[in-house]
């Protein structure tokens, strides 16, 4: 429980910035939904695979990044396991493939300028 509370506190500042839906806003249960929160030079993308979504991969196209800039990413799954990566803004705008093996699962992708 402590790790979850720490994660909530870590992500809280992003909610003060820009909110951008990356998918259609819907209550349908057979789709992915995603949004991006950006604040200053960093942000977070939330990706959710809903209960009846048959697809296990979703292409995330970041909107609040600069094409020529490099970004450090942290991928956080539901078990709060983390994996790091580094991408250019151009790569993130073109799209990053996110795979969620389980239905009713999610991932948070935090990013900041490298």
PDB file of N, CA and C in Angstrom:
ATOM      1  N   UNK A   1       0.821  -1.194   0.000  1.00  0.00           N
ATOM      2  CA  UNK A   1       0.000   0.000   0.000  1.00  0.00           C
ATOM      3  C   UNK A   1       0.863   1.254   0.000  1.00  0.00           C
ATOM      4  N   UNK A   2       2.013   1.191   0.663  1.00  0.00           N
ATOM      5  CA  UNK A   2       2.897   2.346   0.736  1.00  0.00           C
ATOM      6  C   UNK A   2       3.374   2.762  -0.649  1.00  0.00           C
ATOM      7  N   UNK A   3       3.719   1.776  -1.487  1.00  0.00           N
ATOM      8  CA  UNK A   3       4.195   2.084  -2.845  1.00  0.00           C
ATOM      9  C   UNK A   3       3.104   2.772  -3.667  1.00  0.00           C
ATOM     10  N   UNK A   4       1.860   2.369  -3.487  1.00  0.00           N
ATOM     11  CA  UNK A   4       0.755   2.987  -4.232  1.00  0.00           C
ATOM     12  C   UNK A   4       0.574   4.441  -3.796  1.00  0.00           C
ATOM     13  N   UNK A   5       0.621   4.691  -2.510  1.00  0.00           N
ATOM     14  CA  UNK A   5       0.486   6.060  -2.003  1.00  0.00           C
ATOM     15  C   UNK A   5       1.637   6.928  -2.521  1.00  0.00           C
ATOM     16  N   UNK A   6       2.859   6.396  -2.520  1.00  0.00           N
ATOM     17  CA  UNK A   6       4.001   7.137  -3.053  1.00  0.00           C
ATOM     18  C   UNK A   6       3.791   7.461  -4.529  1.00  0.00           C
ATOM     19  N   UNK A   7       3.265   6.501  -5.287  1.00  0.00           N
ATOM     20  CA  UNK A   7       3.010   6.706  -6.716  1.00  0.00           C
ATOM     21  C   UNK A   7       1.966   7.804  -6.932  1.00  0.00           C
ATOM     22  N   UNK A   8       0.924   7.814  -6.133  1.00  0.00           N
ATOM     23  CA  UNK A   8      -0.113   8.841  -6.239  1.00  0.00           C
ATOM     24  C   UNK A   8       0.493  10.219  -5.976  1.00  0.00           C
ATOM     25  N   UNK A   9       1.297  10.344  -4.940  1.00  0.00           N
ATOM     26  CA  UNK A   9       1.930  11.624  -4.624  1.00  0.00           C
ATOM     27  C   UNK A   9       2.894  12.054  -5.733  1.00  0.00           C
ATOM     28  N   UNK A  10       3.604  11.100  -6.306  1.00  0.00           N
ATOM     29  CA  UNK A  10       4.558  11.393  -7.375  1.00  0.00           C
ATOM     30  C   UNK A  10       3.855  11.912  -8.632  1.00  0.00           C
ATOM     31  N   UNK A  11       2.669  11.386  -8.927  1.00  0.00           N
ATOM     32  CA  UNK A  11       1.945  11.764 -10.136  1.00  0.00           C
ATOM     33  C   UNK A  11       0.996  12.949  -9.948  1.00  0.00           C
ATOM     34  N   UNK A  12       0.718  13.327  -8.723  1.00  0.00           N
ATOM     35  CA  UNK A  12      -0.254  14.389  -8.438  1.00  0.00           C
ATOM     36  C   UNK A  12       0.031  15.707  -9.165  1.00  0.00           C
ATOM     37  N   UNK A  13       1.279  16.184  -9.249  1.00  0.00           N
ATOM     38  CA  UNK A  13       1.504  17.476  -9.918  1.00  0.00           C
ATOM     39  C   UNK A  13       1.074  17.503 -11.382  1.00  0.00           C
ATOM     40  N   UNK A  14       1.098  16.386 -12.062  1.00  0.00           N
ATOM     41  CA  UNK A  14       0.715  16.359 -13.472  1.00  0.00           C
ATOM     42  C   UNK A  14      -0.754  16.755 -13.666  1.00  0.00           C
ATOM     43  N   UNK A  15      -1.591  16.510 -12.674  1.00  0.00           N
ATOM     44  CA  UNK A  15      -3.011  16.840 -12.784  1.00  0.00           C
ATOM     45  C   UNK A  15      -3.245  18.344 -12.751  1.00  0.00           C
ATOM     46  N   UNK A  16      -2.222  19.131 -12.415  1.00  0.00           N
ATOM     47  CA  UNK A  16      -2.350  20.587 -12.417  1.00  0.00           C
ATOM     48  C   UNK A  16      -2.070  21.174 -13.796  1.00  0.00           C
ATOM     49  N   UNK A  17      -1.569  20.355 -14.719  1.00  0.00           N
ATOM     50  CA  UNK A  17      -1.211  20.834 -16.044  1.00  0.00           C
ATOM     51  C   UNK A  17      -2.295  20.582 -17.069  1.00  0.00           C
ATOM     52  N   UNK A  18      -1.855  20.295 -18.280  1.00  0.00           N
ATOM     53  CA  UNK A  18      -2.758  20.069 -19.415  1.00  0.00           C
ATOM     54  C   UNK A  18      -3.260  18.627 -19.428  1.00  0.00           C
ATOM     55  N   UNK A  19      -4.537  18.458 -19.754  1.00  0.00           N
ATOM     56  CA  UNK A  19      -5.160  17.143 -19.913  1.00  0.00           C
ATOM     57  C   UNK A  19      -5.516  16.990 -21.384  1.00  0.00           C
ATOM     58  N   UNK A  20      -4.998  15.917 -22.020  1.00  0.00           N
ATOM     59  CA  UNK A  20      -5.277  15.682 -23.433  1.00  0.00           C
ATOM     60  C   UNK A  20      -5.763  14.253 -23.630  1.00  0.00           C
ATOM     61  N   UNK A  21      -7.010  14.041 -24.034  1.00  0.00           N
ATOM     62  CA  UNK A  21      -7.459  12.680 -24.359  1.00  0.00           C
ATOM     63  C   UNK A  21      -6.700  12.177 -25.596  1.00  0.00           C
ATOM     64  N   UNK A  22      -6.218  10.949 -25.549  1.00  0.00           N
ATOM     65  CA  UNK A  22      -5.519  10.347 -26.686  1.00  0.00           C
ATOM     66  C   UNK A  22      -6.404   9.355 -27.431  1.00  0.00           C
ATOM     67  N   UNK A  23      -7.585   9.141 -26.905  1.00  0.00           N
ATOM     68  CA  UNK A  23      -8.588   8.282 -27.538  1.00  0.00           C
ATOM     69  C   UNK A  23      -9.928   8.995 -27.432  1.00  0.00           C
ATOM     70  N   UNK A  24     -10.895   8.456 -28.123  1.00  0.00           N
ATOM     71  CA  UNK A  24     -12.253   8.988 -27.992  1.00  0.00           C
ATOM     72  C   UNK A  24     -12.729   8.756 -26.561  1.00  0.00           C
ATOM     73  N   UNK A  25     -13.414   9.717 -26.000  1.00  0.00           N
ATOM     74  CA  UNK A  25     -13.972   9.549 -24.658  1.00  0.00           C
ATOM     75  C   UNK A  25     -15.236   8.703 -24.799  1.00  0.00           C
ATOM     76  N   UNK A  26     -15.232   7.534 -24.163  1.00  0.00           N
ATOM     77  CA  UNK A  26     -16.329   6.591 -24.328  1.00  0.00           C
ATOM     78  C   UNK A  26     -16.475   5.711 -23.092  1.00  0.00           C
ATOM     79  N   UNK A  27     -17.643   5.137 -22.935  1.00  0.00           N
ATOM     80  CA  UNK A  27     -17.874   4.160 -21.873  1.00  0.00           C
ATOM     81  C   UNK A  27     -17.818   2.733 -22.421  1.00  0.00           C
ATOM     82  N   UNK A  28     -17.539   2.586 -23.717  1.00  0.00           N
ATOM     83  CA  UNK A  28     -17.445   1.256 -24.318  1.00  0.00           C
ATOM     84  C   UNK A  28     -16.382   0.426 -23.592  1.00  0.00           C
ATOM     85  N   UNK A  29     -16.647  -0.837 -23.394  1.00  0.00           N
ATOM     86  CA  UNK A  29     -15.740  -1.711 -22.649  1.00  0.00           C
ATOM     87  C   UNK A  29     -14.845  -2.564 -23.539  1.00  0.00           C
ATOM     88  N   UNK A  30     -14.925  -2.374 -24.872  1.00  0.00           N
ATOM     89  CA  UNK A  30     -14.135  -3.221 -25.774  1.00  0.00           C
ATOM     90  C   UNK A  30     -13.025  -2.441 -26.479  1.00  0.00           C
ATOM     91  N   UNK A  31     -12.515  -1.410 -25.822  1.00  0.00           N
ATOM     92  CA  UNK A  31     -11.496  -0.548 -26.416  1.00  0.00           C
ATOM     93  C   UNK A  31     -10.421  -0.194 -25.390  1.00  0.00           C
ATOM     94  N   UNK A  32      -9.328   0.348 -25.897  1.00  0.00           N
ATOM     95  CA  UNK A  32      -8.336   1.003 -25.056  1.00  0.00           C
ATOM     96  C   UNK A  32      -8.784   2.438 -24.836  1.00  0.00           C
ATOM     97  N   UNK A  33      -8.429   3.011 -23.714  1.00  0.00           N
ATOM     98  CA  UNK A  33      -8.578   4.440 -23.500  1.00  0.00           C
ATOM     99  C   UNK A  33      -7.237   4.963 -22.982  1.00  0.00           C
ATOM    100  N   UNK A  34      -6.933   6.201 -23.349  1.00  0.00           N
ATOM    101  CA  UNK A  34      -5.656   6.780 -22.926  1.00  0.00           C
ATOM    102  C   UNK A  34      -5.776   8.291 -22.868  1.00  0.00           C
ATOM    103  N   UNK A  35      -4.980   8.890 -21.986  1.00  0.00           N
ATOM    104  CA  UNK A  35      -4.880  10.337 -21.922  1.00  0.00           C
ATOM    105  C   UNK A  35      -3.479  10.717 -21.502  1.00  0.00           C
ATOM    106  N   UNK A  36      -3.151  11.966 -21.790  1.00  0.00           N
ATOM    107  CA  UNK A  36      -1.838  12.502 -21.459  1.00  0.00           C
ATOM    108  C   UNK A  36      -2.008  13.703 -20.541  1.00  0.00           C
ATOM    109  N   UNK A  37      -1.213  13.739 -19.495  1.00  0.00           N
ATOM    110  CA  UNK A  37      -1.148  14.884 -18.591  1.00  0.00           C
ATOM    111  C   UNK A  37       0.242  15.484 -18.745  1.00  0.00           C
ATOM    112  N   UNK A  38       0.326  16.782 -18.973  1.00  0.00           N
ATOM    113  CA  UNK A  38       1.640  17.410 -19.112  1.00  0.00           C
ATOM    114  C   UNK A  38       1.705  18.651 -18.230  1.00  0.00           C
ATOM    115  N   UNK A  39       2.874  18.836 -17.644  1.00  0.00           N
ATOM    116  CA  UNK A  39       3.099  19.948 -16.732  1.00  0.00           C
ATOM    117  C   UNK A  39       4.557  20.346 -16.846  1.00  0.00           C
ATOM    118  N   UNK A  40       4.804  21.564 -17.300  1.00  0.00           N
ATOM    119  CA  UNK A  40       6.162  22.061 -17.520  1.00  0.00           C
ATOM    120  C   UNK A  40       6.838  21.181 -18.575  1.00  0.00           C
ATOM    121  N   UNK A  41       8.015  20.654 -18.278  1.00  0.00           N
ATOM    122  CA  UNK A  41       8.778  19.855 -19.242  1.00  0.00           C
ATOM    123  C   UNK A  41       8.616  18.357 -19.037  1.00  0.00           C
ATOM    124  N   UNK A  42       7.560  17.941 -18.370  1.00  0.00           N
ATOM    125  CA  UNK A  42       7.350  16.511 -18.139  1.00  0.00           C
ATOM    126  C   UNK A  42       5.875  16.182 -18.186  1.00  0.00           C
ATOM    127  N   UNK A  43       5.594  14.893 -18.143  1.00  0.00           N
ATOM    128  CA  UNK A  43       4.203  14.486 -18.201  1.00  0.00           C
ATOM    129  C   UNK A  43       4.039  13.007 -17.925  1.00  0.00           C
ATOM    130  N   UNK A  44       2.812  12.545 -18.092  1.00  0.00           N
ATOM    131  CA  UNK A  44       2.485  11.138 -17.879  1.00  0.00           C
ATOM    132  C   UNK A  44       1.348  10.760 -18.818  1.00  0.00           C
ATOM    133  N   UNK A  45       1.457   9.572 -19.376  1.00  0.00           N
ATOM    134  CA  UNK A  45       0.407   9.018 -20.221  1.00  0.00           C
ATOM    135  C   UNK A  45      -0.189   7.830 -19.484  1.00  0.00           C
ATOM    136  N   UNK A  46      -1.508   7.799 -19.393  1.00  0.00           N
ATOM    137  CA  UNK A  46      -2.234   6.700 -18.762  1.00  0.00           C
ATOM    138  C   UNK A  46      -2.900   5.895 -19.863  1.00  0.00           C
ATOM    139  N   UNK A  47      -2.662   4.579 -19.878  1.00  0.00           N
ATOM    140  CA  UNK A  47      -3.252   3.698 -20.889  1.00  0.00           C
ATOM    141  C   UNK A  47      -4.022   2.596 -20.163  1.00  0.00           C
ATOM    142  N   UNK A  48      -5.270   2.381 -20.574  1.00  0.00           N
ATOM    143  CA  UNK A  48      -6.122   1.372 -19.953  1.00  0.00           C
ATOM    144  C   UNK A  48      -6.677   0.430 -21.018  1.00  0.00           C
ATOM    145  N   UNK A  49      -6.520  -0.861 -20.803  1.00  0.00           N
ATOM    146  CA  UNK A  49      -7.174  -1.868 -21.647  1.00  0.00           C
ATOM    147  C   UNK A  49      -8.427  -2.300 -20.901  1.00  0.00           C
ATOM    148  N   UNK A  50      -9.570  -2.058 -21.515  1.00  0.00           N
ATOM    149  CA  UNK A  50     -10.826  -2.361 -20.840  1.00  0.00           C
ATOM    150  C   UNK A  50     -11.191  -3.837 -20.912  1.00  0.00           C
ATOM    151  N   UNK A  51     -12.206  -4.195 -20.150  1.00  0.00           N
ATOM    152  CA  UNK A  51     -12.567  -5.589 -19.879  1.00  0.00           C
ATOM    153  C   UNK A  51     -12.805  -6.450 -21.118  1.00  0.00           C
ATOM    154  N   UNK A  52     -13.451  -5.922 -22.144  1.00  0.00           N
ATOM    155  CA  UNK A  52     -13.778  -6.738 -23.308  1.00  0.00           C
ATOM    156  C   UNK A  52     -12.946  -6.375 -24.538  1.00  0.00           C
ATOM    157  N   UNK A  53     -11.853  -5.677 -24.334  1.00  0.00           N
ATOM    158  CA  UNK A  53     -10.966  -5.286 -25.435  1.00  0.00           C
ATOM    159  C   UNK A  53     -10.148  -6.498 -25.875  1.00  0.00           C
ATOM    160  N   UNK A  54     -10.319  -6.908 -27.122  1.00  0.00           N
ATOM    161  CA  UNK A  54      -9.609  -8.078 -27.649  1.00  0.00           C
ATOM    162  C   UNK A  54      -8.181  -7.756 -28.066  1.00  0.00           C
ATOM    163  N   UNK A  55      -7.913  -6.518 -28.409  1.00  0.00           N
ATOM    164  CA  UNK A  55      -6.561  -6.105 -28.796  1.00  0.00           C
ATOM    165  C   UNK A  55      -5.681  -6.068 -27.546  1.00  0.00           C
ATOM    166  N   UNK A  56      -4.402  -6.423 -27.698  1.00  0.00           N
ATOM    167  CA  UNK A  56      -3.499  -6.331 -26.553  1.00  0.00           C
ATOM    168  C   UNK A  56      -2.428  -5.265 -26.748  1.00  0.00           C
ATOM    169  N   UNK A  57      -2.459  -4.579 -27.898  1.00  0.00           N
ATOM    170  CA  UNK A  57      -1.463  -3.555 -28.203  1.00  0.00           C
ATOM    171  C   UNK A  57      -2.161  -2.253 -28.592  1.00  0.00           C
ATOM    172  N   UNK A  58      -1.605  -1.158 -28.110  1.00  0.00           N
ATOM    173  CA  UNK A  58      -2.154   0.161 -28.399  1.00  0.00           C
ATOM    174  C   UNK A  58      -1.018   1.090 -28.793  1.00  0.00           C
ATOM    175  N   UNK A  59      -1.212   1.889 -29.819  1.00  0.00           N
ATOM    176  CA  UNK A  59      -0.217   2.853 -30.274  1.00  0.00           C
ATOM    177  C   UNK A  59      -0.491   4.208 -29.609  1.00  0.00           C
ATOM    178  N   UNK A  60       0.422   4.628 -28.750  1.00  0.00           N
ATOM    179  CA  UNK A  60       0.301   5.894 -28.039  1.00  0.00           C
ATOM    180  C   UNK A  60       1.054   6.957 -28.828  1.00  0.00           C
ATOM    181  N   UNK A  61       0.354   8.030 -29.175  1.00  0.00           N
ATOM    182  CA  UNK A  61       0.976   9.165 -29.860  1.00  0.00           C
ATOM    183  C   UNK A  61       0.987  10.347 -28.898  1.00  0.00           C
ATOM    184  N   UNK A  62       2.174  10.637 -28.377  1.00  0.00           N
ATOM    185  CA  UNK A  62       2.339  11.725 -27.416  1.00  0.00           C
ATOM    186  C   UNK A  62       2.111  13.062 -28.116  1.00  0.00           C
ATOM    187  N   UNK A  63       1.490  14.004 -27.412  1.00  0.00           N
ATOM    188  CA  UNK A  63       1.174  15.293 -28.026  1.00  0.00           C
ATOM    189  C   UNK A  63       1.972  16.455 -27.450  1.00  0.00           C
ATOM    190  N   UNK A  64       2.477  16.319 -26.248  1.00  0.00           N
ATOM    191  CA  UNK A  64       3.097  17.454 -25.549  1.00  0.00           C
ATOM    192  C   UNK A  64       4.614  17.370 -25.503  1.00  0.00           C
ATOM    193  N   UNK A  65       5.212  16.795 -26.535  1.00  0.00           N
ATOM    194  CA  UNK A  65       6.670  16.669 -26.586  1.00  0.00           C
ATOM    195  C   UNK A  65       7.207  17.444 -27.785  1.00  0.00           C
ATOM    196  N   UNK A  66       8.451  17.851 -27.671  1.00  0.00           N
ATOM    197  CA  UNK A  66       9.132  18.564 -28.753  1.00  0.00           C
ATOM    198  C   UNK A  66       9.870  17.541 -29.618  1.00  0.00           C
ATOM    199  N   UNK A  67       9.688  17.615 -30.923  1.00  0.00           N
ATOM    200  CA  UNK A  67      10.240  16.600 -31.825  1.00  0.00           C
ATOM    201  C   UNK A  67      11.744  16.438 -31.704  1.00  0.00           C
ATOM    202  N   UNK A  68      12.493  17.511 -31.562  1.00  0.00           N
ATOM    203  CA  UNK A  68      13.958  17.444 -31.564  1.00  0.00           C
ATOM    204  C   UNK A  68      14.547  17.116 -30.187  1.00  0.00           C
ATOM    205  N   UNK A  69      13.732  17.066 -29.181  1.00  0.00           N
ATOM    206  CA  UNK A  69      14.182  16.830 -27.804  1.00  0.00           C
ATOM    207  C   UNK A  69      14.255  15.338 -27.501  1.00  0.00           C
ATOM    208  N   UNK A  70      15.183  14.939 -26.625  1.00  0.00           N
ATOM    209  CA  UNK A  70      15.223  13.556 -26.132  1.00  0.00           C
ATOM    210  C   UNK A  70      14.489  13.502 -24.795  1.00  0.00           C
ATOM    211  N   UNK A  71      13.828  12.364 -24.559  1.00  0.00           N
ATOM    212  CA  UNK A  71      13.040  12.184 -23.340  1.00  0.00           C
ATOM    213  C   UNK A  71      13.392  10.875 -22.651  1.00  0.00           C
ATOM    214  N   UNK A  72      13.446  10.944 -21.329  1.00  0.00           N
ATOM    215  CA  UNK A  72      13.573   9.740 -20.504  1.00  0.00           C
ATOM    216  C   UNK A  72      12.160   9.296 -20.155  1.00  0.00           C
ATOM    217  N   UNK A  73      11.890   8.013 -20.338  1.00  0.00           N
ATOM    218  CA  UNK A  73      10.576   7.467 -20.012  1.00  0.00           C
ATOM    219  C   UNK A  73      10.704   6.430 -18.909  1.00  0.00           C
ATOM    220  N   UNK A  74       9.682   6.368 -18.081  1.00  0.00           N
ATOM    221  CA  UNK A  74       9.556   5.307 -17.083  1.00  0.00           C
ATOM    222  C   UNK A  74       8.192   4.668 -17.302  1.00  0.00           C
ATOM    223  N   UNK A  75       8.198   3.376 -17.597  1.00  0.00           N
ATOM    224  CA  UNK A  75       6.975   2.604 -17.802  1.00  0.00           C
ATOM    225  C   UNK A  75       6.640   1.948 -16.473  1.00  0.00           C
ATOM    226  N   UNK A  76       5.414   2.155 -15.988  1.00  0.00           N
ATOM    227  CA  UNK A  76       4.998   1.611 -14.691  1.00  0.00           C
ATOM    228  C   UNK A  76       3.755   0.761 -14.914  1.00  0.00           C
ATOM    229  N   UNK A  77       3.863  -0.536 -14.594  1.00  0.00           N
ATOM    230  CA  UNK A  77       2.707  -1.410 -14.781  1.00  0.00           C
ATOM    231  C   UNK A  77       1.884  -1.490 -13.500  1.00  0.00           C
ATOM    232  N   UNK A  78       0.851  -2.313 -13.539  1.00  0.00           N
ATOM    233  CA  UNK A  78      -0.063  -2.402 -12.391  1.00  0.00           C
ATOM    234  C   UNK A  78       0.585  -2.942 -11.126  1.00  0.00           C
ATOM    235  N   UNK A  79       1.673  -3.692 -11.301  1.00  0.00           N
ATOM    236  CA  UNK A  79       2.386  -4.234 -10.134  1.00  0.00           C
ATOM    237  C   UNK A  79       3.416  -3.237  -9.620  1.00  0.00           C
ATOM    238  N   UNK A  80       3.400  -2.025 -10.207  1.00  0.00           N
ATOM    239  CA  UNK A  80       4.332  -0.948  -9.899  1.00  0.00           C
ATOM    240  C   UNK A  80       5.766  -1.312 -10.263  1.00  0.00           C
ATOM    241  N   UNK A  81       5.921  -2.261 -11.187  1.00  0.00           N
ATOM    242  CA  UNK A  81       7.244  -2.582 -11.703  1.00  0.00           C
ATOM    243  C   UNK A  81       7.600  -1.539 -12.751  1.00  0.00           C
ATOM    244  N   UNK A  82       8.856  -1.104 -12.725  1.00  0.00           N
ATOM    245  CA  UNK A  82       9.302  -0.019 -13.586  1.00  0.00           C
ATOM    246  C   UNK A  82      10.327  -0.503 -14.601  1.00  0.00           C
ATOM    247  N   UNK A  83      10.259   0.152 -15.767  1.00  0.00           N
ATOM    248  CA  UNK A  83      11.231  -0.109 -16.824  1.00  0.00           C
ATOM    249  C   UNK A  83      11.516   1.242 -17.461  1.00  0.00           C
ATOM    250  N   UNK A  84      12.794   1.504 -17.748  1.00  0.00           N
ATOM    251  CA  UNK A  84      13.209   2.790 -18.302  1.00  0.00           C
ATOM    252  C   UNK A  84      13.440   2.707 -19.797  1.00  0.00           C
ATOM    253  N   UNK A  85      13.363   3.855 -20.444  1.00  0.00           N
ATOM    254  CA  UNK A  85      13.667   3.956 -21.865  1.00  0.00           C
ATOM    255  C   UNK A  85      14.004   5.391 -22.213  1.00  0.00           C
ATOM    256  N   UNK A  86      14.595   5.584 -23.391  1.00  0.00           N
ATOM    257  CA  UNK A  86      14.891   6.931 -23.869  1.00  0.00           C
ATOM    258  C   UNK A  86      14.488   7.018 -25.336  1.00  0.00           C
ATOM    259  N   UNK A  87      13.753   8.074 -25.684  1.00  0.00           N
ATOM    260  CA  UNK A  87      13.208   8.245 -27.028  1.00  0.00           C
ATOM    261  C   UNK A  87      13.303   9.714 -27.420  1.00  0.00           C
ATOM    262  N   UNK A  88      13.257   9.979 -28.706  1.00  0.00           N
ATOM    263  CA  UNK A  88      13.168  11.360 -29.171  1.00  0.00           C
ATOM    264  C   UNK A  88      11.698  11.775 -29.186  1.00  0.00           C
ATOM    265  N   UNK A  89      11.492  13.072 -29.167  1.00  0.00           N
ATOM    266  CA  UNK A  89      10.133  13.580 -29.278  1.00  0.00           C
ATOM    267  C   UNK A  89       9.481  13.145 -30.580  1.00  0.00           C
ATOM    268  N   UNK A  90      10.277  13.093 -31.664  1.00  0.00           N
ATOM    269  CA  UNK A  90       9.739  12.657 -32.959  1.00  0.00           C
ATOM    270  C   UNK A  90       9.229  11.223 -32.873  1.00  0.00           C
ATOM    271  N   UNK A  91       9.984  10.341 -32.213  1.00  0.00           N
ATOM    272  CA  UNK A  91       9.534   8.952 -32.048  1.00  0.00           C
ATOM    273  C   UNK A  91       8.235   8.888 -31.250  1.00  0.00           C
ATOM    274  N   UNK A  92       8.152   9.687 -30.198  1.00  0.00           N
ATOM    275  CA  UNK A  92       6.961   9.666 -29.342  1.00  0.00           C
ATOM    276  C   UNK A  92       5.742  10.231 -30.063  1.00  0.00           C
ATOM    277  N   UNK A  93       5.951  11.240 -30.882  1.00  0.00           N
ATOM    278  CA  UNK A  93       4.837  11.801 -31.654  1.00  0.00           C
ATOM    279  C   UNK A  93       4.364  10.820 -32.728  1.00  0.00           C
ATOM    280  N   UNK A  94       5.316  10.086 -33.317  1.00  0.00           N
ATOM    281  CA  UNK A  94       4.968   9.094 -34.340  1.00  0.00           C
ATOM    282  C   UNK A  94       4.162   7.952 -33.726  1.00  0.00           C
ATOM    283  N   UNK A  95       4.525   7.561 -32.518  1.00  0.00           N
ATOM    284  CA  UNK A  95       3.761   6.534 -31.815  1.00  0.00           C
ATOM    285  C   UNK A  95       4.640   5.507 -31.150  1.00  0.00           C
ATOM    286  N   UNK A  96       4.252   5.123 -29.968  1.00  0.00           N
ATOM    287  CA  UNK A  96       4.952   4.130 -29.166  1.00  0.00           C
ATOM    288  C   UNK A  96       3.973   2.998 -28.887  1.00  0.00           C
ATOM    289  N   UNK A  97       4.351   1.796 -29.251  1.00  0.00           N
ATOM    290  CA  UNK A  97       3.474   0.641 -29.062  1.00  0.00           C
ATOM    291  C   UNK A  97       3.509   0.184 -27.603  1.00  0.00           C
ATOM    292  N   UNK A  98       2.336   0.102 -26.991  1.00  0.00           N
ATOM    293  CA  UNK A  98       2.210  -0.354 -25.607  1.00  0.00           C
ATOM    294  C   UNK A  98       1.429  -1.658 -25.620  1.00  0.00           C
ATOM    295  N   UNK A  99       1.991  -2.678 -24.988  1.00  0.00           N
ATOM    296  CA  UNK A  99       1.334  -3.983 -24.931  1.00  0.00           C
ATOM    297  C   UNK A  99       0.864  -4.262 -23.508  1.00  0.00           C
ATOM    298  N   UNK A 100      -0.430  -4.551 -23.393  1.00  0.00           N
ATOM    299  CA  UNK A 100      -1.018  -4.947 -22.114  1.00  0.00           C
ATOM    300  C   UNK A 100      -1.628  -6.329 -22.317  1.00  0.00           C
ATOM    301  N   UNK A 101      -0.983  -7.339 -21.762  1.00  0.00           N
ATOM    302  CA  UNK A 101      -1.399  -8.725 -21.987  1.00  0.00           C
ATOM    303  C   UNK A 101      -2.763  -9.053 -21.392  1.00  0.00           C
ATOM    304  N   UNK A 102      -3.079  -8.437 -20.265  1.00  0.00           N
ATOM    305  CA  UNK A 102      -4.310  -8.779 -19.562  1.00  0.00           C
ATOM    306  C   UNK A 102      -5.405  -7.753 -19.805  1.00  0.00           C
ATOM    307  N   UNK A 103      -6.626  -8.245 -19.962  1.00  0.00           N
ATOM    308  CA  UNK A 103      -7.772  -7.350 -20.009  1.00  0.00           C
ATOM    309  C   UNK A 103      -7.917  -6.707 -18.633  1.00  0.00           C
ATOM    310  N   UNK A 104      -8.520  -5.522 -18.615  1.00  0.00           N
ATOM    311  CA  UNK A 104      -8.665  -4.750 -17.373  1.00  0.00           C
ATOM    312  C   UNK A 104      -7.303  -4.477 -16.740  1.00  0.00           C
ATOM    313  N   UNK A 105      -6.367  -4.039 -17.569  1.00  0.00           N
ATOM    314  CA  UNK A 105      -5.038  -3.697 -17.067  1.00  0.00           C
ATOM    315  C   UNK A 105      -4.667  -2.294 -17.532  1.00  0.00           C
ATOM    316  N   UNK A 106      -3.573  -1.783 -16.987  1.00  0.00           N
ATOM    317  CA  UNK A 106      -3.189  -0.416 -17.304  1.00  0.00           C
ATOM    318  C   UNK A 106      -1.685  -0.235 -17.208  1.00  0.00           C
ATOM    319  N   UNK A 107      -1.238   0.894 -17.739  1.00  0.00           N
ATOM    320  CA  UNK A 107       0.161   1.278 -17.644  1.00  0.00           C
ATOM    321  C   UNK A 107       0.229   2.799 -17.588  1.00  0.00           C
ATOM    322  N   UNK A 108       1.186   3.291 -16.827  1.00  0.00           N
ATOM    323  CA  UNK A 108       1.485   4.715 -16.792  1.00  0.00           C
ATOM    324  C   UNK A 108       2.877   4.885 -17.377  1.00  0.00           C
ATOM    325  N   UNK A 109       3.016   5.860 -18.261  1.00  0.00           N
ATOM    326  CA  UNK A 109       4.317   6.158 -18.858  1.00  0.00           C
ATOM    327  C   UNK A 109       4.663   7.595 -18.475  1.00  0.00           C
ATOM    328  N   UNK A 110       5.636   7.754 -17.597  1.00  0.00           N
ATOM    329  CA  UNK A 110       6.091   9.077 -17.209  1.00  0.00           C
ATOM    330  C   UNK A 110       7.208   9.501 -18.162  1.00  0.00           C
ATOM    331  N   UNK A 111       7.254  10.791 -18.500  1.00  0.00           N
ATOM    332  CA  UNK A 111       8.337  11.268 -19.338  1.00  0.00           C
ATOM    333  C   UNK A 111       8.823  12.639 -18.882  1.00  0.00           C
ATOM    334  N   UNK A 112      10.101  12.872 -19.159  1.00  0.00           N
ATOM    335  CA  UNK A 112      10.694  14.182 -18.894  1.00  0.00           C
ATOM    336  C   UNK A 112      11.865  14.370 -19.843  1.00  0.00           C
ATOM    337  N   UNK A 113      12.226  15.623 -20.066  1.00  0.00           N
ATOM    338  CA  UNK A 113      13.348  15.905 -20.954  1.00  0.00           C
ATOM    339  C   UNK A 113      14.618  15.269 -20.415  1.00  0.00           C
ATOM    340  N   UNK A 114      15.398  14.686 -21.320  1.00  0.00           N
ATOM    341  CA  UNK A 114      16.649  14.023 -20.924  1.00  0.00           C
ATOM    342  C   UNK A 114      17.749  15.059 -20.700  1.00  0.00           C
TER     343      UNK A 114
END
